[in-house]
Amino acid sequence: MQRISSAITKMLPLALTAFAFSNAAIAQNQLTAIKVAQPPKLEALASDAAWAKAAPLTVKLSSGANFKDGATTVTLKAVYTTDTLYMLVQYDDPTQSVRRSPYVKQPDGSWKKLVDPDDKGGDNNKYYEDKFAILWNINNSIKNFDSMGCFALCHAGEAGKAFGNKYTASEGEIGDIWHMKSIRTGYIGQADDQYVDHTRYDKDKAPEAGRKSDPKTAGGYDDIKLVNGKPEFMSKDGKAANKGGTYYLRAEDKVPFDDSKFVAGDEVASILVSRFTGDRGDIDAAIGYKDGTWTAALTRKLVTGSKYDVQFSDLGAQYAFGFAAFDNAQVRHAYHNAPVKLSFAK
């Protein structure tokens, strides 16, 4: 998802001709949602019978950090009911990445957070999580999205970010981001509902440039702080993350930290998580990793009424989106060179 620029050729091993999208190539990226009487159960993932009715679409992704040769292939399916869309996502990933910068107890008894020594700012590729993102063009507002996909929003070689910034070209252009963050949202049953607008990068006022989160009424994720040199909270089960525990701490399971329960080498979560409520919590999900493959099932109401969401109000229309997969990477994702278009079968 990087914008065409002179700088991008220095960052990614692609010739400029890779950005010449033919009508034939774009036409192949068609995903059709089939109407079903009985919606799939999310926790059943790909085994639910409802998915058998939907034709799969496979899309090749490239240039992602940590993937084998930088590449993977995503398979997508979609079904819908009277008022709800369901999507099934599957892609290969050689490793299940869960160690999102945990705290580690040192031999001297102190605690230290694992950090990527090569991270120059917002570019962790060693101690992160697996993610994927779907970016929708709201109301066809994003210029050139139908031909360029996410490349219309990504800007490489700009100051302040090692991998570039994401924003739309002009005010009024807006995209809906469904961001599946395995450790922070996936295991508690949601994708993060976000959006992107025309805001430019500013170190103090807009460090994420155009990337923003939908409003919420409660919930979400927060860093667990060190207090007097020790993590502020731990799980009530007292398990280290690398000894049967988890690398995320559910808010309902948090208790004050008891250092006596841990020995040198133990790892504990540095992130506190709970379900979003409000606009940001519109997307329910289930995820699973098995035999080198991630599977996720997502669902959202066809129409939410939020200005930050794509509205599937016209089932005769097509809805363009881009897809990116992240293997233990904060931003260096694998991507494809053309948008996918979702349509609804009658």
Protein backbone atom coordinates (compact mmCIF):
# COMPACT_ATOMS: atom_id res chain seq x y z
CA MET A 1 0.00 0.00 0.00
CA GLN A 2 2.67 2.53 -0.92
CA ARG A 3 2.06 5.53 -3.15
CA ILE A 4 3.77 5.89 -6.49
CA SER A 5 6.74 8.18 -5.92
CA SER A 6 10.41 8.39 -6.70
CA ALA A 7 11.17 7.41 -3.10
CA ILE A 8 9.26 4.16 -3.23
CA THR A 9 11.68 2.58 -5.65
CA LYS A 10 14.39 2.99 -3.01
CA MET A 11 12.25 1.28 -0.33
CA LEU A 12 10.56 -1.54 -2.20
CA PRO A 13 11.93 -3.95 -4.80
CA LEU A 14 9.37 -3.08 -7.44
CA ALA A 15 9.73 -1.57 -10.84
CA LEU A 16 7.45 1.30 -11.72
CA THR A 17 5.72 -0.92 -14.22
CA ALA A 18 4.28 -2.91 -11.33
CA PHE A 19 1.96 0.02 -10.72
CA ALA A 20 0.42 -0.06 -14.20
CA PHE A 21 -2.92 -1.70 -13.47
CA SER A 22 -4.68 -3.16 -16.47
CA ASN A 23 -8.44 -3.35 -16.68
CA ALA A 24 -8.12 -7.12 -16.97
CA ALA A 25 -6.17 -7.40 -13.72
CA ILE A 26 -8.64 -5.24 -11.85
CA ALA A 27 -11.60 -7.17 -13.23
CA GLN A 28 -10.21 -10.42 -11.80
CA ASN A 29 -10.31 -9.06 -8.25
CA GLN A 30 -14.05 -9.54 -7.76
CA LEU A 31 -15.47 -10.91 -4.50
CA THR A 32 -19.14 -11.88 -4.49
CA ALA A 33 -21.16 -12.10 -1.28
CA ILE A 34 -23.83 -14.81 -1.35
CA LYS A 35 -27.06 -14.37 0.60
CA VAL A 36 -27.62 -17.06 3.23
CA ALA A 37 -30.62 -17.81 5.42
CA GLN A 38 -28.45 -19.03 8.29
CA PRO A 39 -25.40 -16.87 9.05
CA PRO A 40 -22.07 -18.52 9.88
CA LYS A 41 -21.01 -18.89 13.50
CA LEU A 42 -17.83 -16.90 13.88
CA GLU A 43 -16.20 -19.29 16.34
CA ALA A 44 -16.53 -22.13 13.79
CA LEU A 45 -14.23 -20.19 11.45
CA ALA A 46 -13.90 -21.85 8.02
CA SER A 47 -15.72 -25.03 9.06
CA ASP A 48 -19.18 -23.43 9.14
CA ALA A 49 -21.40 -24.71 6.33
CA ALA A 50 -22.46 -21.21 5.29
CA TRP A 51 -19.08 -20.54 3.69
CA ALA A 52 -19.48 -23.48 1.29
CA LYS A 53 -21.98 -21.43 -0.70
CA ALA A 54 -19.49 -18.65 -1.40
CA ALA A 55 -16.90 -18.68 -4.18
CA PRO A 56 -13.35 -17.98 -2.92
CA LEU A 57 -11.19 -15.18 -4.25
CA THR A 58 -7.41 -15.51 -3.93
CA VAL A 59 -5.17 -12.45 -3.98
CA LYS A 60 -1.38 -12.54 -3.98
CA LEU A 61 0.41 -10.20 -1.58
CA SER A 62 4.07 -9.19 -1.74
CA SER A 63 6.84 -7.14 -0.10
CA GLY A 64 5.88 -7.81 3.52
CA ALA A 65 8.42 -8.04 6.32
CA ASN A 66 8.98 -11.51 7.84
CA PHE A 67 6.82 -13.42 5.33
CA LYS A 68 8.68 -16.08 3.32
CA ASP A 69 10.18 -14.16 0.39
CA GLY A 70 7.97 -11.30 1.52
CA ALA A 71 4.89 -12.95 0.04
CA THR A 72 1.66 -14.67 0.99
CA THR A 73 -1.72 -15.35 -0.60
CA VAL A 74 -5.02 -14.39 1.00
CA THR A 75 -8.25 -16.25 0.28
CA LEU A 76 -11.47 -14.32 0.84
CA LYS A 77 -15.12 -15.35 1.02
CA ALA A 78 -18.22 -13.30 1.78
CA VAL A 79 -21.84 -14.03 2.66
CA TYR A 80 -24.64 -11.80 3.91
CA THR A 81 -28.08 -11.86 5.50
CA THR A 82 -30.83 -9.28 5.41
CA ASP A 83 -28.85 -6.81 7.50
CA THR A 84 -25.33 -8.17 8.06
CA LEU A 85 -22.14 -8.89 6.09
CA TYR A 86 -19.76 -11.75 6.98
CA MET A 87 -16.23 -12.18 5.62
CA LEU A 88 -13.83 -15.11 5.88
CA VAL A 89 -10.11 -14.38 5.62
CA GLN A 90 -7.33 -17.00 5.34
CA TYR A 91 -3.64 -16.54 4.55
CA ASP A 92 -0.34 -18.32 5.08
CA ASP A 93 2.04 -17.07 7.75
CA PRO A 94 5.09 -19.15 8.72
CA THR A 95 4.98 -18.06 12.38
CA GLN A 96 2.32 -17.17 14.92
CA SER A 97 3.62 -13.92 16.41
CA VAL A 98 2.32 -13.19 19.91
CA ARG A 99 5.23 -11.60 21.82
CA ARG A 100 4.09 -8.00 21.48
CA SER A 101 6.86 -6.24 23.45
CA PRO A 102 6.33 -8.15 26.71
CA TYR A 103 8.04 -7.37 29.99
CA VAL A 104 10.82 -9.85 30.86
CA LYS A 105 12.18 -10.44 34.34
CA GLN A 106 15.96 -10.01 34.37
CA PRO A 107 18.52 -12.07 36.36
CA ASP A 108 18.90 -9.17 38.79
CA GLY A 109 15.15 -9.12 39.44
CA SER A 110 14.37 -6.01 37.42
CA TRP A 111 11.83 -5.91 34.57
CA LYS A 112 12.58 -4.82 31.02
CA LYS A 113 10.34 -4.46 27.97
CA LEU A 114 11.50 -6.23 24.81
CA VAL A 115 12.02 -3.72 22.02
CA ASP A 116 13.19 -3.98 18.43
CA PRO A 117 16.72 -2.51 18.44
CA ASP A 118 16.28 -1.49 14.80
CA ASP A 119 13.02 0.39 15.39
CA LYS A 120 13.53 4.02 14.38
CA GLY A 121 9.99 4.94 15.47
CA GLY A 122 6.72 3.09 14.82
CA ASP A 123 8.54 0.35 12.91
CA ASN A 124 8.75 -2.67 15.23
CA ASN A 125 9.44 -5.85 13.25
CA LYS A 126 10.70 -8.18 16.00
CA TYR A 127 8.45 -8.05 19.05
CA TYR A 128 5.03 -7.31 17.65
CA GLU A 129 1.88 -9.19 16.60
CA ASP A 130 0.28 -10.60 13.47
CA LYS A 131 -2.36 -8.34 11.93
CA PHE A 132 -4.30 -7.67 8.77
CA ALA A 133 -6.23 -4.66 7.53
CA ILE A 134 -9.07 -4.08 5.08
CA LEU A 135 -9.43 -0.54 3.75
CA TRP A 136 -12.74 0.48 2.14
CA ASN A 137 -13.36 3.49 -0.08
CA ILE A 138 -16.26 5.32 1.63
CA ASN A 139 -18.78 6.70 -0.90
CA ASN A 140 -16.14 6.34 -3.64
CA SER A 141 -14.64 9.52 -2.18
CA ILE A 142 -10.96 8.58 -2.55
CA LYS A 143 -9.62 9.73 -5.89
CA ASN A 144 -7.91 7.00 -7.96
CA PHE A 145 -8.78 4.24 -5.46
CA ASP A 146 -10.62 2.21 -8.10
CA SER A 147 -7.47 1.98 -10.19
CA MET A 148 -4.67 2.20 -7.61
CA GLY A 149 -6.27 0.78 -4.47
CA CYS A 150 -4.42 1.63 -1.27
CA PHE A 151 -1.51 3.13 -3.20
CA ALA A 152 -3.69 6.24 -3.50
CA LEU A 153 -3.28 6.83 0.26
CA CYS A 154 0.24 5.71 1.10
CA HIS A 155 3.16 8.12 0.94
CA ALA A 156 6.71 6.80 1.14
CA GLY A 157 9.87 8.73 1.77
CA GLU A 158 8.34 11.44 3.94
CA ALA A 159 10.02 12.87 6.99
CA GLY A 160 9.06 11.48 10.37
CA LYS A 161 8.25 7.89 9.48
CA ALA A 162 10.57 5.09 8.45
CA PHE A 163 7.92 3.50 6.24
CA GLY A 164 5.90 6.53 5.16
CA ASN A 165 2.49 7.96 6.07
CA LYS A 166 -1.12 7.18 5.21
CA TYR A 167 -3.58 9.90 4.27
CA THR A 168 -5.98 10.84 1.49
CA ALA A 169 -5.27 13.61 -1.00
CA SER A 170 -8.02 16.08 -0.12
CA GLU A 171 -10.59 16.99 2.50
CA GLY A 172 -13.72 14.88 2.09
CA GLU A 173 -11.80 11.81 0.91
CA ILE A 174 -12.18 9.15 3.61
CA GLY A 175 -11.59 5.41 3.99
CA ASP A 176 -12.91 2.85 6.48
CA ILE A 177 -10.24 0.59 8.04
CA TRP A 178 -11.08 -2.83 9.54
CA HIS A 179 -7.89 -3.51 11.48
CA MET A 180 -7.53 -7.01 12.91
CA LYS A 181 -4.87 -6.86 15.63
CA SER A 182 -4.46 -10.39 16.93
CA ILE A 183 -3.14 -9.61 20.43
CA ARG A 184 -4.97 -6.35 21.08
CA THR A 185 -8.41 -7.13 19.58
CA GLY A 186 -8.64 -10.50 17.85
CA TYR A 187 -8.54 -12.85 20.81
CA ILE A 188 -11.27 -10.89 22.57
CA GLY A 189 -13.53 -11.04 19.52
CA GLN A 190 -13.20 -7.81 17.58
CA ALA A 191 -11.43 -5.98 14.80
CA ASP A 192 -10.50 -2.35 15.44
CA ASP A 193 -12.84 -0.05 13.50
CA GLN A 194 -10.75 2.89 12.25
CA TYR A 195 -10.67 5.38 9.39
CA VAL A 196 -8.27 7.46 7.35
CA ASP A 197 -8.68 11.06 6.18
CA HIS A 198 -6.61 13.86 4.61
CA THR A 199 -4.63 14.85 7.75
CA ARG A 200 -0.90 15.29 7.07
CA TYR A 201 1.81 14.08 9.41
CA ASP A 202 2.75 16.37 12.28
CA LYS A 203 5.13 15.13 14.96
CA ASP A 204 3.10 16.62 17.80
CA LYS A 205 -0.44 17.15 16.47
CA ALA A 206 -0.86 14.20 14.09
CA PRO A 207 1.87 11.55 14.51
CA GLU A 208 -0.35 8.99 12.76
CA ALA A 209 -1.12 11.41 9.88
CA GLY A 210 -4.52 10.43 8.44
CA ARG A 211 -4.99 7.22 10.43
CA LYS A 212 -7.59 7.66 13.18
CA SER A 213 -9.92 5.56 15.30
CA ASP A 214 -13.71 5.66 15.25
CA PRO A 215 -15.26 7.17 18.40
CA LYS A 216 -15.79 4.81 21.32
CA THR A 217 -17.83 4.95 24.50
CA ALA A 218 -15.61 2.54 26.45
CA GLY A 219 -13.07 -0.28 26.11
CA GLY A 220 -9.96 -0.66 24.02
CA TYR A 221 -6.32 -1.33 24.79
CA ASP A 222 -3.71 0.50 26.86
CA ASP A 223 -0.05 -0.04 27.75
CA ILE A 224 0.65 -1.50 31.17
CA LYS A 225 3.11 0.82 32.90
CA LEU A 226 6.08 0.04 35.08
CA VAL A 227 5.46 1.26 38.64
CA ASN A 228 8.47 1.25 40.94
CA GLY A 229 10.26 -0.84 38.32
CA LYS A 230 7.56 -3.54 38.07
CA PRO A 231 4.52 -4.00 35.81
CA GLU A 232 1.46 -2.40 37.40
CA PHE A 233 -0.86 -5.37 36.74
CA MET A 234 -0.77 -9.11 36.06
CA SER A 235 -3.34 -11.79 35.30
CA LYS A 236 -5.21 -13.21 38.25
CA ASP A 237 -4.08 -16.71 37.23
CA GLY A 238 -0.49 -15.71 38.01
CA LYS A 239 0.86 -17.37 34.86
CA ALA A 240 3.79 -16.02 32.90
CA ALA A 241 2.94 -15.41 29.25
CA ASN A 242 5.66 -17.83 28.15
CA LYS A 243 4.46 -20.50 30.60
CA GLY A 244 0.85 -21.00 29.64
CA GLY A 245 -0.40 -17.44 30.04
CA THR A 246 -1.20 -14.84 27.39
CA TYR A 247 0.65 -11.85 25.94
CA TYR A 248 -2.44 -9.70 26.53
CA LEU A 249 -4.19 -9.03 29.84
CA ARG A 250 -7.97 -8.87 29.86
CA ALA A 251 -9.18 -5.95 31.95
CA GLU A 252 -11.53 -8.19 33.91
CA ASP A 253 -8.62 -10.48 34.85
CA LYS A 254 -6.18 -7.85 36.08
CA VAL A 255 -4.91 -7.83 39.67
CA PRO A 256 -2.07 -5.91 41.33
CA PHE A 257 1.32 -7.26 40.35
CA ASP A 258 2.90 -9.86 42.65
CA ASP A 259 6.59 -10.06 41.79
CA SER A 260 7.12 -13.12 43.98
CA LYS A 261 5.25 -15.29 41.47
CA PHE A 262 7.87 -14.84 38.74
CA VAL A 263 11.47 -15.89 38.15
CA ALA A 264 14.15 -14.62 35.77
CA GLY A 265 13.20 -15.24 32.15
CA ASP A 266 9.44 -15.03 32.79
CA GLU A 267 7.50 -12.81 30.40
CA VAL A 268 4.26 -10.96 31.14
CA ALA A 269 1.87 -8.91 29.02
CA SER A 270 2.52 -5.22 28.50
CA ILE A 271 -0.93 -4.54 27.03
CA LEU A 272 -4.30 -4.34 28.81
CA VAL A 273 -7.30 -5.13 26.59
CA SER A 274 -11.10 -4.93 26.67
CA ARG A 275 -13.85 -4.85 24.06
CA PHE A 276 -14.67 -1.56 22.39
CA THR A 277 -18.17 -0.20 22.76
CA GLY A 278 -19.63 2.46 20.52
CA ASP A 279 -18.73 3.17 16.91
CA ARG A 280 -15.25 1.66 17.25
CA GLY A 281 -16.74 -1.68 18.32
CA ASP A 282 -18.87 -2.33 15.22
CA ILE A 283 -16.88 -5.31 13.92
CA ASP A 284 -17.13 -8.67 15.69
CA ALA A 285 -14.56 -11.34 14.87
CA ALA A 286 -13.05 -14.70 15.67
CA ILE A 287 -9.48 -15.73 14.81
CA GLY A 288 -7.43 -18.90 14.81
CA TYR A 289 -3.94 -20.00 13.78
CA LYS A 290 -3.20 -23.58 12.72
CA ASP A 291 -0.54 -25.29 10.59
CA GLY A 292 0.92 -22.04 9.30
CA THR A 293 -2.38 -20.42 8.36
CA TRP A 294 -4.34 -17.59 9.90
CA THR A 295 -8.14 -17.79 9.67
CA ALA A 296 -10.49 -15.01 10.68
CA ALA A 297 -14.24 -14.53 10.43
CA LEU A 298 -15.57 -10.96 10.56
CA THR A 299 -19.06 -9.54 10.72
CA ARG A 300 -20.58 -6.07 10.61
CA LYS A 301 -24.01 -4.62 9.99
CA LEU A 302 -24.53 -3.66 6.36
CA VAL A 303 -25.56 -0.18 7.46
CA THR A 304 -24.22 1.42 10.65
CA GLY A 305 -25.08 5.05 10.03
CA SER A 306 -21.59 6.20 11.01
CA LYS A 307 -19.82 8.72 8.78
CA TYR A 308 -16.60 6.82 9.52
CA ASP A 309 -17.91 3.52 8.07
CA VAL A 310 -18.56 2.24 4.58
CA GLN A 311 -22.32 1.73 4.22
CA PHE A 312 -23.43 -1.31 2.20
CA SER A 313 -26.81 0.30 1.60
CA ASP A 314 -27.04 -0.38 -2.14
CA LEU A 315 -26.75 -4.10 -2.78
CA GLY A 316 -26.57 -3.42 -6.51
CA ALA A 317 -23.35 -1.45 -6.16
CA GLN A 318 -19.71 -2.53 -5.91
CA TYR A 319 -17.51 -1.63 -2.95
CA ALA A 320 -13.76 -1.31 -3.48
CA PHE A 321 -11.26 -2.30 -0.81
CA GLY A 322 -7.59 -3.09 -0.30
CA PHE A 323 -6.07 -5.81 1.86
CA ALA A 324 -2.76 -5.91 3.76
CA ALA A 325 -1.22 -8.62 5.97
CA PHE A 326 1.38 -7.99 8.68
CA ASP A 327 3.70 -10.74 9.93
CA ASN A 328 5.12 -9.64 13.30
CA ALA A 329 5.33 -6.13 11.85
CA GLN A 330 3.98 -2.80 12.96
CA VAL A 331 3.76 -1.25 9.49
CA ARG A 332 5.78 -3.24 6.93
CA HIS A 333 2.89 -5.19 5.48
CA ALA A 334 2.44 -7.37 2.42
CA TYR A 335 0.06 -5.85 -0.12
CA HIS A 336 -1.43 -6.26 -3.58
CA ASN A 337 -1.31 -3.92 -6.56
CA ALA A 338 -4.99 -3.41 -7.32
CA PRO A 339 -8.25 -3.01 -5.39
CA VAL A 340 -10.71 -5.81 -4.76
CA LYS A 341 -14.39 -5.08 -5.42
CA LEU A 342 -17.16 -6.60 -3.35
CA SER A 343 -20.55 -7.17 -4.92
CA PHE A 344 -23.72 -8.76 -3.56
CA ALA A 345 -25.44 -11.61 -5.39
CA LYS A 346 -29.21 -11.24 -5.53
